Each structure stands twice: as C-alpha cells, then as structure tokens.
C-alpha atoms as a PDB file:
ATOM      1  CA  MET A   1       1.344   3.492  -7.551  1.00  0.00           C
ATOM      2  CA  ALA A   2       3.130   0.103  -8.346  1.00  0.00           C
ATOM      3  CA  LYS A   3       6.649   0.450  -9.893  1.00  0.00           C
ATOM      4  CA  LYS A   4       7.187  -1.463 -13.015  1.00  0.00           C
ATOM      5  CA  ASN A   5      10.398   0.061 -14.180  1.00  0.00           C
ATOM      6  CA  LYS A   6      13.774  -1.542 -14.296  1.00  0.00           C
ATOM      7  CA  LYS A   7      14.840   0.458 -10.796  1.00  0.00           C
ATOM      8  CA  ASP A   8      11.875  -1.075  -9.035  1.00  0.00           C
ATOM      9  CA  SER A   9      12.704  -4.665 -10.328  1.00  0.00           C
ATOM     10  CA  THR A  10      16.355  -4.208  -9.061  1.00  0.00           C
ATOM     11  CA  ARG A  11      14.820  -3.425  -5.806  1.00  0.00           C
ATOM     12  CA  ARG A  12      12.422  -6.615  -5.631  1.00  0.00           C
ATOM     13  CA  ASN A  13      15.341  -8.632  -6.390  1.00  0.00           C
ATOM     14  CA  PHE A  14      17.686  -6.712  -3.661  1.00  0.00           C
ATOM     15  CA  LEU A  15      14.795  -7.529  -1.359  1.00  0.00           C
ATOM     16  CA  LYS A  16      14.622 -11.375  -2.149  1.00  0.00           C
ATOM     17  CA  GLN A  17      18.415 -11.661  -2.239  1.00  0.00           C
ATOM     18  CA  GLY A  18      18.479  -9.683   0.862  1.00  0.00           C
ATOM     19  CA  PHE A  19      16.595 -11.802   2.955  1.00  0.00           C
ATOM     20  CA  THR A  20      19.021 -14.745   1.634  1.00  0.00           C
ATOM     21  CA  ILE A  21      22.371 -12.980   2.153  1.00  0.00           C
ATOM     22  CA  ALA A  22      21.499 -11.487   5.464  1.00  0.00           C
ATOM     23  CA  ALA A  23      20.430 -14.676   6.862  1.00  0.00           C
ATOM     24  CA  GLY A  24      23.643 -16.316   5.788  1.00  0.00           C
ATOM     25  CA  SER A  25      25.138 -15.895   9.431  1.00  0.00           C
ATOM     26  CA  LEU A  26      22.335 -18.273  10.686  1.00  0.00           C
ATOM     27  CA  LEU A  27      22.933 -21.038   8.315  1.00  0.00           C
ATOM     28  CA  GLY A  28      26.015 -22.266   9.962  1.00  0.00           C
ATOM     29  CA  GLY A  29      28.950 -24.194   8.286  1.00  0.00           C
ATOM     30  CA  GLY A  30      26.967 -26.911   6.264  1.00  0.00           C
ATOM     31  CA  LEU A  31      24.446 -25.714   4.017  1.00  0.00           C
ATOM     32  CA  ILE A  32      22.967 -29.127   3.171  1.00  0.00           C
ATOM     33  CA  ALA A  33      21.437 -31.462   5.350  1.00  0.00           C
ATOM     34  CA  ALA A  34      18.675 -33.934   5.267  1.00  0.00           C
ATOM     35  CA  CYS A  35      15.001 -32.572   5.557  1.00  0.00           C
ATOM     36  CA  THR A  36      13.860 -35.761   7.183  1.00  0.00           C
ATOM     37  CA  LYS A  37      14.918 -38.837   8.271  1.00  0.00           C
ATOM     38  CA  GLU A  38      13.805 -40.838   5.423  1.00  0.00           C
ATOM     39  CA  GLN A  39      14.123 -38.127   2.487  1.00  0.00           C
ATOM     40  CA  GLY A  40      17.113 -35.902   1.513  1.00  0.00           C
ATOM     41  CA  PRO A  41      17.105 -32.554  -0.318  1.00  0.00           C
ATOM     42  CA  VAL A  42      15.035 -32.547  -3.427  1.00  0.00           C
ATOM     43  CA  ALA A  43      16.449 -30.488  -6.444  1.00  0.00           C
ATOM     44  CA  THR A  44      14.119 -28.159  -7.993  1.00  0.00           C
ATOM     45  CA  GLY A  45      16.460 -26.899 -10.736  1.00  0.00           C
ATOM     46  CA  GLU A  46      16.169 -23.186  -9.476  1.00  0.00           C
ATOM     47  CA  LYS A  47      19.300 -21.751  -8.136  1.00  0.00           C
ATOM     48  CA  VAL A  48      19.479 -19.184  -5.330  1.00  0.00           C
ATOM     49  CA  LYS A  49      22.512 -17.484  -3.523  1.00  0.00           C
ATOM     50  CA  VAL A  50      23.355 -17.874  -0.056  1.00  0.00           C
ATOM     51  CA  LEU A  51      26.224 -16.617   2.091  1.00  0.00           C
ATOM     52  CA  THR A  52      28.232 -19.354   3.897  1.00  0.00           C
ATOM     53  CA  ALA A  53      29.718 -19.093   7.437  1.00  0.00           C
ATOM     54  CA  ASP A  54      33.212 -17.981   6.155  1.00  0.00           C
ATOM     55  CA  GLY A  55      31.693 -15.229   4.125  1.00  0.00           C
ATOM     56  CA  LYS A  56      31.604 -16.588   0.598  1.00  0.00           C
ATOM     57  CA  LEU A  57      28.659 -16.281  -1.429  1.00  0.00           C
ATOM     58  CA  MET A  58      27.904 -19.181  -3.525  1.00  0.00           C
ATOM     59  CA  GLU A  59      24.888 -20.691  -5.590  1.00  0.00           C
ATOM     60  CA  VAL A  60      22.823 -23.777  -4.177  1.00  0.00           C
ATOM     61  CA  ASP A  61      19.545 -25.355  -5.290  1.00  0.00           C
ATOM     62  CA  ARG A  62      16.839 -23.725  -3.817  1.00  0.00           C
ATOM     63  CA  GLY A  63      15.595 -27.173  -2.543  1.00  0.00           C
ATOM     64  CA  HIS A  64      18.954 -27.941  -0.920  1.00  0.00           C
ATOM     65  CA  ALA A  65      18.727 -24.331   0.569  1.00  0.00           C
ATOM     66  CA  MET A  66      15.474 -25.041   2.137  1.00  0.00           C
ATOM     67  CA  CYS A  67      17.123 -28.185   3.803  1.00  0.00           C
ATOM     68  CA  CYS A  68      19.988 -26.273   5.343  1.00  0.00           C
ATOM     69  CA  ASN A  69      21.035 -27.114   9.213  1.00  0.00           C
ATOM     70  CA  VAL A  70      18.934 -25.637  11.619  1.00  0.00           C
ATOM     71  CA  PRO A  71      20.262 -22.531  13.184  1.00  0.00           C
ATOM     72  CA  SER A  72      21.094 -22.850  16.874  1.00  0.00           C
ATOM     73  CA  SER A  73      18.726 -21.752  19.450  1.00  0.00           C
ATOM     74  CA  ALA A  74      20.520 -18.537  20.268  1.00  0.00           C
ATOM     75  CA  ASP A  75      20.550 -17.370  16.611  1.00  0.00           C
ATOM     76  CA  VAL A  76      16.902 -17.990  16.013  1.00  0.00           C
ATOM     77  CA  ARG A  77      15.855 -15.982  19.117  1.00  0.00           C
ATOM     78  CA  LYS A  78      18.210 -12.966  17.711  1.00  0.00           C
ATOM     79  CA  GLY A  79      16.780 -12.883  14.207  1.00  0.00           C
ATOM     80  CA  ILE A  80      18.395 -11.357  11.363  1.00  0.00           C
ATOM     81  CA  PRO A  81      20.313  -8.101  12.216  1.00  0.00           C
ATOM     82  CA  GLY A  82      19.368  -4.831  10.447  1.00  0.00           C
ATOM     83  CA  ARG A  83      15.763  -6.275   9.439  1.00  0.00           C
ATOM     84  CA  HIS A  84      12.395  -5.174  10.551  1.00  0.00           C
ATOM     85  CA  PHE A  85       9.866  -7.040   8.907  1.00  0.00           C
ATOM     86  CA  VAL A  86       6.388  -5.956   8.316  1.00  0.00           C
ATOM     87  CA  MET A  87       3.034  -7.066   6.346  1.00  0.00           C
ATOM     88  CA  VAL A  88       0.460  -4.860   4.711  1.00  0.00           C
ATOM     89  CA  VAL A  89      -2.961  -6.250   4.055  1.00  0.00           C
ATOM     90  CA  ASP A  90      -5.139  -4.348   1.496  1.00  0.00           C
ATOM     91  CA  LEU A  91      -8.829  -4.995   2.519  1.00  0.00           C
ATOM     92  CA  THR A  92     -10.215  -3.527  -0.805  1.00  0.00           C
ATOM     93  CA  ARG A  93      -8.837  -7.051  -2.577  1.00  0.00           C
ATOM     94  CA  CYS A  94      -9.823  -9.649   0.117  1.00  0.00           C
ATOM     95  CA  ARG A  95     -12.786 -11.716  -0.832  1.00  0.00           C
ATOM     96  CA  ASN A  96     -12.355 -14.668   1.929  1.00  0.00           C
ATOM     97  CA  ALA A  97     -11.035 -17.031  -0.824  1.00  0.00           C
ATOM     98  CA  ARG A  98      -9.449 -18.708   1.994  1.00  0.00           C
ATOM     99  CA  ALA A  99      -6.230 -19.580   0.093  1.00  0.00           C
ATOM    100  CA  CYS A 100      -4.165 -17.867   2.688  1.00  0.00           C
ATOM    101  CA  VAL A 101      -5.509 -20.113   5.514  1.00  0.00           C
ATOM    102  CA  LYS A 102      -5.207 -23.135   3.425  1.00  0.00           C
ATOM    103  CA  ALA A 103      -1.884 -22.573   2.619  1.00  0.00           C
ATOM    104  CA  CYS A 104      -0.727 -21.666   6.083  1.00  0.00           C
ATOM    105  CA  SER A 105      -2.197 -24.511   7.523  1.00  0.00           C
ATOM    106  CA  LYS A 106      -0.444 -27.061   5.046  1.00  0.00           C
ATOM    107  CA  MET A 107       2.964 -25.285   5.680  1.00  0.00           C
ATOM    108  CA  HIS A 108       2.947 -25.659   9.273  1.00  0.00           C
ATOM    109  CA  PHE A 109       0.995 -28.995   9.396  1.00  0.00           C
ATOM    110  CA  LEU A 110      -1.596 -27.700  11.234  1.00  0.00           C
ATOM    111  CA  ALA A 111      -4.238 -30.231  12.940  1.00  0.00           C
ATOM    112  CA  PRO A 112      -7.723 -30.195  11.472  1.00  0.00           C
ATOM    113  CA  GLY A 113      -9.677 -27.213  12.929  1.00  0.00           C
ATOM    114  CA  GLN A 114      -6.667 -25.363  13.704  1.00  0.00           C
ATOM    115  CA  GLU A 115      -5.947 -22.024  11.993  1.00  0.00           C
ATOM    116  CA  TRP A 116      -3.129 -19.427  12.357  1.00  0.00           C
ATOM    117  CA  ILE A 117      -5.068 -16.881  10.080  1.00  0.00           C
ATOM    118  CA  LYS A 118      -8.488 -16.228  10.568  1.00  0.00           C
ATOM    119  CA  VAL A 119     -10.956 -14.128   8.174  1.00  0.00           C
ATOM    120  CA  PHE A 120     -13.644 -12.364   9.872  1.00  0.00           C
ATOM    121  CA  LEU A 121     -16.633 -10.666   8.351  1.00  0.00           C
ATOM    122  CA  MET A 122     -16.497  -7.092   9.469  1.00  0.00           C
ATOM    123  CA  GLN A 123     -18.738  -4.100   9.541  1.00  0.00           C
ATOM    124  CA  ASP A 124     -17.618  -0.815  11.253  1.00  0.00           C
ATOM    125  CA  SER A 125     -21.114   0.412  11.729  1.00  0.00           C
ATOM    126  CA  GLU A 126     -24.955  -0.230  10.824  1.00  0.00           C
ATOM    127  CA  ASP A 127     -24.777   2.289   8.029  1.00  0.00           C
ATOM    128  CA  THR A 128     -21.321   0.944   6.239  1.00  0.00           C
ATOM    129  CA  THR A 129     -21.025  -2.136   4.115  1.00  0.00           C
ATOM    130  CA  PRO A 130     -19.554  -5.125   5.493  1.00  0.00           C
ATOM    131  CA  TYR A 131     -16.129  -6.483   4.390  1.00  0.00           C
ATOM    132  CA  TRP A 132     -13.386  -9.449   4.661  1.00  0.00           C
ATOM    133  CA  MET A 133     -10.502  -8.981   7.224  1.00  0.00           C
ATOM    134  CA  PRO A 134      -8.004 -11.550   7.599  1.00  0.00           C
ATOM    135  CA  LYS A 135      -5.985 -11.665  10.728  1.00  0.00           C
ATOM    136  CA  PRO A 136      -2.599 -13.180  11.423  1.00  0.00           C
ATOM    137  CA  CYS A 137      -0.371 -12.556  14.227  1.00  0.00           C
ATOM    138  CA  PHE A 138       0.438  -8.912  14.425  1.00  0.00           C
ATOM    139  CA  HIS A 139       4.392  -9.412  15.722  1.00  0.00           C
ATOM    140  CA  CYS A 140       3.813  -6.486  17.810  1.00  0.00           C
ATOM    141  CA  ASP A 141       7.059  -4.311  18.876  1.00  0.00           C
ATOM    142  CA  THR A 142       5.572  -4.571  22.558  1.00  0.00           C
ATOM    143  CA  PRO A 143       4.233  -7.811  22.840  1.00  0.00           C
ATOM    144  CA  ALA A 144       1.775  -8.753  25.820  1.00  0.00           C
ATOM    145  CA  CYS A 145       2.372 -12.458  25.035  1.00  0.00           C
ATOM    146  CA  VAL A 146       6.234 -12.121  25.577  1.00  0.00           C
ATOM    147  CA  ASN A 147       6.029 -10.081  28.861  1.00  0.00           C
ATOM    148  CA  VAL A 148       3.809 -12.762  30.636  1.00  0.00           C
ATOM    149  CA  CYS A 149       5.283 -15.846  29.488  1.00  0.00           C
ATOM    150  CA  PRO A 150       6.926 -17.462  32.788  1.00  0.00           C
ATOM    151  CA  VAL A 151       9.407 -19.292  31.007  1.00  0.00           C
ATOM    152  CA  GLY A 152      10.590 -17.453  28.098  1.00  0.00           C
ATOM    153  CA  ALA A 153       9.289 -19.506  25.460  1.00  0.00           C
ATOM    154  CA  SER A 154       7.392 -16.547  23.588  1.00  0.00           C
ATOM    155  CA  PHE A 155      10.116 -14.043  22.385  1.00  0.00           C
ATOM    156  CA  LYS A 156      10.544 -11.096  20.261  1.00  0.00           C
ATOM    157  CA  ARG A 157      13.460 -11.077  18.001  1.00  0.00           C
ATOM    158  CA  ASP A 158      15.553  -8.060  16.775  1.00  0.00           C
ATOM    159  CA  ASP A 159      14.027  -8.376  13.299  1.00  0.00           C
ATOM    160  CA  GLY A 160      10.393  -7.739  14.476  1.00  0.00           C
ATOM    161  CA  LEU A 161       9.101 -11.326  14.713  1.00  0.00           C
ATOM    162  CA  VAL A 162       7.500 -12.682  17.636  1.00  0.00           C
ATOM    163  CA  LEU A 163       7.917 -16.645  17.849  1.00  0.00           C
ATOM    164  CA  VAL A 164       7.133 -19.517  20.325  1.00  0.00           C
ATOM    165  CA  ASP A 165       9.664 -22.055  21.353  1.00  0.00           C
ATOM    166  CA  ASN A 166       7.555 -25.246  21.986  1.00  0.00           C
ATOM    167  CA  GLU A 167      10.504 -26.813  23.747  1.00  0.00           C
ATOM    168  CA  ARG A 168      10.129 -24.599  26.503  1.00  0.00           C
ATOM    169  CA  CYS A 169       6.228 -24.072  26.462  1.00  0.00           C
ATOM    170  CA  ILE A 170       4.650 -25.344  29.386  1.00  0.00           C
ATOM    171  CA  GLY A 171       1.126 -24.876  28.000  1.00  0.00           C
ATOM    172  CA  CYS A 172      -0.005 -22.548  30.741  1.00  0.00           C
ATOM    173  CA  LYS A 173      -1.767 -20.477  28.081  1.00  0.00           C
ATOM    174  CA  PHE A 174      -1.075 -17.289  29.930  1.00  0.00           C
ATOM    175  CA  CYS A 175       0.184 -15.724  26.461  1.00  0.00           C
ATOM    176  CA  MET A 176      -3.244 -16.702  24.981  1.00  0.00           C
ATOM    177  CA  ALA A 177      -5.016 -14.711  27.648  1.00  0.00           C
ATOM    178  CA  ALA A 178      -2.662 -11.800  27.323  1.00  0.00           C
ATOM    179  CA  CYS A 179      -2.930 -11.412  23.639  1.00  0.00           C
ATOM    180  CA  PRO A 180      -5.702  -9.044  22.850  1.00  0.00           C
ATOM    181  CA  TYR A 181      -5.906 -10.379  19.286  1.00  0.00           C
ATOM    182  CA  SER A 182      -6.567 -13.868  19.882  1.00  0.00           C
ATOM    183  CA  SER A 183      -3.808 -14.812  17.765  1.00  0.00           C
ATOM    184  CA  ARG A 184      -2.791 -17.753  19.490  1.00  0.00           C
ATOM    185  CA  VAL A 185      -3.675 -21.495  18.982  1.00  0.00           C
ATOM    186  CA  PHE A 186      -3.393 -24.293  21.750  1.00  0.00           C
ATOM    187  CA  ASN A 187      -2.312 -27.385  20.687  1.00  0.00           C
ATOM    188  CA  TRP A 188      -4.358 -30.132  21.800  1.00  0.00           C
ATOM    189  CA  LYS A 189      -3.355 -32.999  19.357  1.00  0.00           C
ATOM    190  CA  ALA A 190      -0.946 -33.513  16.631  1.00  0.00           C
ATOM    191  CA  PRO A 191      -1.892 -33.560  13.107  1.00  0.00           C
ATOM    192  CA  ASP A 192      -1.945 -37.167  11.214  1.00  0.00           C
ATOM    193  CA  ASN A 193       0.298 -35.887   8.560  1.00  0.00           C
ATOM    194  CA  GLN A 194       3.082 -34.520  11.049  1.00  0.00           C
ATOM    195  CA  VAL A 195       6.350 -33.842   9.533  1.00  0.00           C
ATOM    196  CA  ASP A 196       9.334 -35.964  10.945  1.00  0.00           C
ATOM    197  CA  ALA A 197      12.024 -33.261  11.350  1.00  0.00           C
ATOM    198  CA  LYS A 198      14.140 -31.602  13.942  1.00  0.00           C
ATOM    199  CA  TYR A 199      11.962 -28.997  15.829  1.00  0.00           C
ATOM    200  CA  SER A 200      12.792 -25.451  15.454  1.00  0.00           C
ATOM    201  CA  PRO A 201      11.033 -22.276  16.305  1.00  0.00           C
ATOM    202  CA  MET A 202      11.914 -21.048  12.958  1.00  0.00           C
ATOM    203  CA  THR A 203       9.492 -23.565  11.434  1.00  0.00           C
ATOM    204  CA  GLY A 204       7.009 -24.397  14.471  1.00  0.00           C
ATOM    205  CA  VAL A 205       7.117 -27.876  13.069  1.00  0.00           C
ATOM    206  CA  PRO A 206       6.605 -30.734  14.143  1.00  0.00           C
ATOM    207  CA  GLN A 207       3.662 -29.354  16.462  1.00  0.00           C
ATOM    208  CA  LYS A 208       3.994 -30.288  20.123  1.00  0.00           C
ATOM    209  CA  VAL A 209       1.111 -31.406  21.940  1.00  0.00           C
ATOM    210  CA  GLY A 210       0.113 -29.194  24.808  1.00  0.00           C
ATOM    211  CA  THR A 211       1.856 -26.276  23.778  1.00  0.00           C
ATOM    212  CA  VAL A 212       0.561 -22.991  21.968  1.00  0.00           C
ATOM    213  CA  GLY A 213       1.169 -22.124  18.084  1.00  0.00           C
ATOM    214  CA  LYS A 214       0.399 -19.143  16.346  1.00  0.00           C
ATOM    215  CA  CYS A 215       1.524 -17.136  12.825  1.00  0.00           C
ATOM    216  CA  ASP A 216       5.305 -17.031  12.498  1.00  0.00           C
ATOM    217  CA  PHE A 217       5.664 -14.909   9.301  1.00  0.00           C
ATOM    218  CA  CYS A 218       7.508 -18.042   7.786  1.00  0.00           C
ATOM    219  CA  PRO A 219      11.027 -17.233   8.950  1.00  0.00           C
ATOM    220  CA  ASP A 220      12.493 -20.370   7.718  1.00  0.00           C
ATOM    221  CA  SER A 221      11.077 -19.546   3.939  1.00  0.00           C
ATOM    222  CA  PHE A 222      12.586 -15.982   3.818  1.00  0.00           C
ATOM    223  CA  LEU A 223      15.903 -17.165   4.779  1.00  0.00           C
ATOM    224  CA  THR A 224      15.967 -18.096   1.293  1.00  0.00           C
ATOM    225  CA  GLY A 225      14.350 -15.478  -0.168  1.00  0.00           C
ATOM    226  CA  ILE A 226      10.716 -16.847  -0.370  1.00  0.00           C
ATOM    227  CA  LEU A 227       7.782 -15.087   0.789  1.00  0.00           C
ATOM    228  CA  PRO A 228       5.516 -16.472   3.451  1.00  0.00           C
ATOM    229  CA  ASP A 229       2.877 -18.985   2.043  1.00  0.00           C
ATOM    230  CA  CYS A 230      -0.028 -16.814   2.825  1.00  0.00           C
ATOM    231  CA  VAL A 231       1.414 -14.199   0.859  1.00  0.00           C
ATOM    232  CA  THR A 232       2.174 -16.392  -2.276  1.00  0.00           C
ATOM    233  CA  ALA A 233      -0.945 -18.383  -2.069  1.00  0.00           C
ATOM    234  CA  CYS A 234      -3.523 -15.486  -2.117  1.00  0.00           C
ATOM    235  CA  PRO A 235      -5.190 -15.259  -5.792  1.00  0.00           C
ATOM    236  CA  ASN A 236      -5.870 -11.327  -5.480  1.00  0.00           C
ATOM    237  CA  GLY A 237      -2.472 -10.006  -3.928  1.00  0.00           C
ATOM    238  CA  VAL A 238      -4.205  -8.949  -0.585  1.00  0.00           C
ATOM    239  CA  TYR A 239      -0.794  -9.691   1.537  1.00  0.00           C
ATOM    240  CA  PHE A 240       2.330  -7.273   1.105  1.00  0.00           C
ATOM    241  CA  PHE A 241       5.319  -8.348   3.012  1.00  0.00           C
ATOM    242  CA  GLY A 242       8.609  -6.763   3.229  1.00  0.00           C
ATOM    243  CA  ASP A 243      11.382  -4.888   5.186  1.00  0.00           C
ATOM    244  CA  LYS A 244      10.486  -1.741   7.032  1.00  0.00           C
ATOM    245  CA  ASN A 245      14.184  -0.721   7.200  1.00  0.00           C
ATOM    246  CA  GLU A 246      14.549  -1.084   3.443  1.00  0.00           C
ATOM    247  CA  ASP A 247      11.324   0.490   3.059  1.00  0.00           C
ATOM    248  CA  VAL A 248       9.975  -2.038   0.536  1.00  0.00           C
ATOM    249  CA  VAL A 249       7.073  -4.618   0.503  1.00  0.00           C
ATOM    250  CA  THR A 250       5.805  -6.908  -2.053  1.00  0.00           C
ATOM    251  CA  ASN A 251       3.017  -9.453  -2.890  1.00  0.00           C
ATOM    252  CA  GLY A 252       5.482 -11.495  -5.160  1.00  0.00           C
ATOM    253  CA  VAL A 253       3.834  -9.560  -8.233  1.00  0.00           C
ATOM    254  CA  GLU A 254       3.621  -5.680  -7.223  1.00  0.00           C
ATOM    255  CA  SER A 255       6.301  -3.914  -5.131  1.00  0.00           C
ATOM    256  CA  PHE A 256       5.918  -0.523  -3.245  1.00  0.00           C
ATOM    257  CA  ARG A 257       7.890   1.546  -0.980  1.00  0.00           C
ATOM    258  CA  PHE A 258       6.326   0.683   2.464  1.00  0.00           C
ATOM    259  CA  SER A 259       6.074   4.226   3.413  1.00  0.00           C
ATOM    260  CA  ASP A 260       4.515   5.747   0.664  1.00  0.00           C
ATOM    261  CA  LEU A 261       1.902   2.672   0.549  1.00  0.00           C
ATOM    262  CA  VAL A 262       1.067   3.167   4.080  1.00  0.00           C
ATOM    263  CA  LYS A 263       0.876   6.904   3.800  1.00  0.00           C
ATOM    264  CA  ASP A 264      -1.165   7.203   0.414  1.00  0.00           C
ATOM    265  CA  LYS A 265      -3.458   4.533   1.145  1.00  0.00           C
ATOM    266  CA  ALA A 266      -4.313   5.826   4.763  1.00  0.00           C
ATOM    267  CA  ALA A 267      -3.158   2.669   6.285  1.00  0.00           C
ATOM    268  CA  TYR A 268      -4.073   1.838   9.892  1.00  0.00           C
ATOM    269  CA  ARG A 269      -2.804  -0.694  12.845  1.00  0.00           C
ATOM    270  CA  TYR A 270      -5.687  -2.461  14.403  1.00  0.00           C
ATOM    271  CA  MET A 271      -6.296  -1.482  17.830  1.00  0.00           C
ATOM    272  CA  GLU A 272      -3.191   0.539  17.860  1.00  0.00           C
ATOM    273  CA  GLU A 273      -4.716   2.256  21.118  1.00  0.00           C
ATOM    274  CA  LEU A 274      -3.585  -0.690  23.092  1.00  0.00           C
ATOM    275  CA  GLY A 275       0.052   0.500  22.597  1.00  0.00           C
ATOM    276  CA  THR A 276       0.899  -2.966  21.486  1.00  0.00           C
ATOM    277  CA  GLN A 277       2.642  -1.444  18.100  1.00  0.00           C
ATOM    278  CA  PRO A 278       1.730  -3.961  15.730  1.00  0.00           C
ATOM    279  CA  ASN A 279       3.768  -5.019  12.481  1.00  0.00           C
ATOM    280  CA  VAL A 280       0.623  -5.488  10.608  1.00  0.00           C
ATOM    281  CA  TYR A 281      -0.686  -2.740   8.528  1.00  0.00           C
ATOM    282  CA  TYR A 282      -4.399  -2.571   7.293  1.00  0.00           C
ATOM    283  CA  LEU A 283      -5.442  -0.576   4.104  1.00  0.00           C
ATOM    284  CA  PRO A 284      -9.121   0.527   4.261  1.00  0.00           C
ATOM    285  CA  PRO A 285     -11.588  -1.461   2.301  1.00  0.00           C
ATOM    286  CA  VAL A 286     -12.470   1.405   0.116  1.00  0.00           C
ATOM    287  CA  ASP A 287     -13.489   0.732  -3.482  1.00  0.00           C
ATOM    288  CA  ARG A 288     -13.568  -2.918  -2.921  1.00  0.00           C
ATOM    289  CA  ARG A 289     -12.870  -5.091  -5.871  1.00  0.00           C
ATOM    290  CA  PHE A 290     -15.264  -8.021  -5.026  1.00  0.00           C
ATOM    291  CA  PRO A 291     -18.888  -7.878  -3.599  1.00  0.00           C
ATOM    292  CA  VAL A 292     -18.903  -9.414   0.113  1.00  0.00           C
ATOM    293  CA  GLU A 293     -21.226 -12.095  -0.610  1.00  0.00           C
ATOM    294  CA  GLU A 294     -18.535 -14.169  -2.661  1.00  0.00           C
ATOM    295  CA  GLY A 295     -16.918 -14.615   0.503  1.00  0.00           C
ATOM    296  CA  PHE A 296     -19.437 -16.954   1.720  1.00  0.00           C
ATOM    297  CA  GLU A 297     -18.924 -19.349  -1.114  1.00  0.00           C
ATOM    298  CA  SER A 298     -15.584 -20.421   0.403  1.00  0.00           C
ATOM    299  CA  VAL A 299     -16.740 -20.688   4.198  1.00  0.00           C
ATOM    300  CA  PRO A 300     -15.903 -24.191   5.440  1.00  0.00           C
ATOM    301  CA  ASP A 301     -18.605 -26.271   6.490  1.00  0.00           C
ATOM    302  CA  SER A 302     -17.492 -26.053  10.318  1.00  0.00           C
ATOM    303  CA  SER A 303     -17.754 -22.357  10.324  1.00  0.00           C
ATOM    304  CA  LYS A 304     -21.117 -21.843   8.347  1.00  0.00           C
ATOM    305  CA  ALA A 305     -23.085 -21.775  11.520  1.00  0.00           C
ATOM    306  CA  ALA A 306     -20.936 -18.715  12.950  1.00  0.00           C
ATOM    307  CA  TYR A 307     -21.181 -16.817   9.424  1.00  0.00           C
ATOM    308  CA  GLN A 308     -24.840 -17.470   9.311  1.00  0.00           C
ATOM    309  CA  VAL A 309     -25.412 -15.742  12.483  1.00  0.00           C
ATOM    310  CA  LYS A 310     -23.045 -13.016  11.241  1.00  0.00           C
ATOM    311  CA  ARG A 311     -25.118 -12.645   8.267  1.00  0.00           C
ATOM    312  CA  ALA A 312     -28.494 -12.489  10.171  1.00  0.00           C
ATOM    313  CA  HIS A 313     -27.002  -9.222  11.465  1.00  0.00           C
ATOM    314  CA  LEU A 314     -26.657  -8.059   7.958  1.00  0.00           C
ATOM    315  CA  LYS A 315     -29.829  -8.268   6.454  1.00  0.00           C
ATOM    316  CA  LYS A 316     -29.896  -4.634   5.418  1.00  0.00           C
ATOM    317  CA  TYR A 317     -27.437  -5.900   2.733  1.00  0.00           C
ATOM    318  CA  LYS A 318     -29.169  -8.792   1.538  1.00  0.00           C
ATOM    319  CA  ILE A 319     -26.119 -11.128   2.253  1.00  0.00           C
END
C-alpha cells in the first residue's frame, strides 16, 4: 500500500513543508533567538523553509529555526489553522523496543520513572495471542480532561491537540481523574537535567513541580517539519503521524493516505464507545512481525515485577 512513486514523494515533502509554512504565523517577527540562557542556536547545516511574520518565505538553518521565539500564549492555545493532527499506531510492528518511551522522556526532560508513553502487554481473550500496545495521549476531540479543569490549564486547540499550560495548572488532578485513558502524569519532582529555557505549553519544558504533564505530539517540532520524537525513534515504524485534513500520515520512511490506511487495515480507536473521539487510531495486531516474547527483553528493571505478574496469566503461551 505504501506509495513509492514521485507523486507520493511530493506529498511527503508537502506534508513536511506544510507543517513549517502553516506555522509561520506563530513564529512572530524574530526567527532566531537563544535556546537557553547559556547557549544560542546551534547550526546543523540543514536548511528549512519558514514563513516570516510579514509573509516572506526564507531559508534558515534547522538549528536556528528550532530556536525561534516562543509563540504568544494566545497563538499557542489556538493552534495551526486548517490542520487536524492524527496518529496511527500499527500494532503488528510493535515489539516493545521502548525506543519511543526513551525518546519522549529525553525530549521532554522527564524525571526518572515518568513516562508519557506507556507500552502494555495486551490479550483480548484467553483464546487469542497477546501483543504489545503503545499508548500515548489520544488528543480527544471531546476531551474530558479539558472539561473538568477549573483554571483552563488543559485546553483543546483548533488543530486537534490537547495541551497543558503548567503556568496555569494548580495541581488539583481533576484532569487525571477525568481522563479515561490514564494518559496524564503528575510532576512530583523536577529532573536533574532540567533545561533552562522560557516555558511554553508548546514544549512542556521546563517541567514544573506540582503540575500535570502528558504526551503533547511535540508541536514545537513539527513547526519546522520535524516528526514527533516517538515516530522517528521507533526502529520498526510503528507510529504514523500526519494531518487528517491533508489525508496523509508518515512514519518518516513510508507514507500513506490516512483514509485508505484506516479503511483498508480496519483501524479502530481505543474505547471509542466513551464518546471522547480520540485522534489516535490503532491497526489490529494481525500477522505480527515479531514474537511477543521479544518484548520482555526491553522491560526496565523497575517494571519487571508488573510484567511478571502479567506473564503469569499467559502461561498458556509459554512466555
């Protein structure tokens, strides 16, 4: 099903540039600013196109573009006009390599033990084979977490993303209780390697003690055409990210029409019956590429006990 022709290559380039150009209005007048107090932009040698506030298209180094001025609070809460970001997770490819978990934690400077992406060992019935299921935030179109937040710290953007503003968050945990997917994590402490930068809900860093964090789909990255870290870190191409309105998703190597992929592969949304309308779709775990046993090799020591309990219930499959 993957489109390998020139037309598809053009669509991939358009998707990548579309993230960049559509985000131009969010970048403000100054494109280049210091990333941290101690270190300025770092040149990468790779050029990307960005749209300035006065409507001019220009090329800048990717490292400079990633250090653009933080968008205003109003722009961050509105999102990118005309976009509707979605993710497709192919369960046939997951073997619990946990590269996505590590990349996400590193990207967002999470404290040890915190994970915004969790990978679960699943089994639909005693007669079926178990499989691995990654679970990020589902960025629901009708998010219960947003509805219960008393201070507007959790908010839904026009482009489909659900973000948390830690400068508003009071740590009441109402959103954690309301989320049926348990996607949120409380920040009990800040990590030792916390980044020194101006805070923005676009990045979720620096983490603030006493507030709530969660998977954010890395909106600061795709402002410059970069896919979320979980997508690019996965060695098996499990995650496909893209724009529902453009009808295209990619894992960085393969690209598909979103509508064809979810239709042809019988995609489903987890616990869709709750009416939350998640923007994460799962492809069923049929014709799996890896034996489920391989996934236990990557389980961290801190989680081995929980996985062993799960394995005890799966003795039928000798894993």
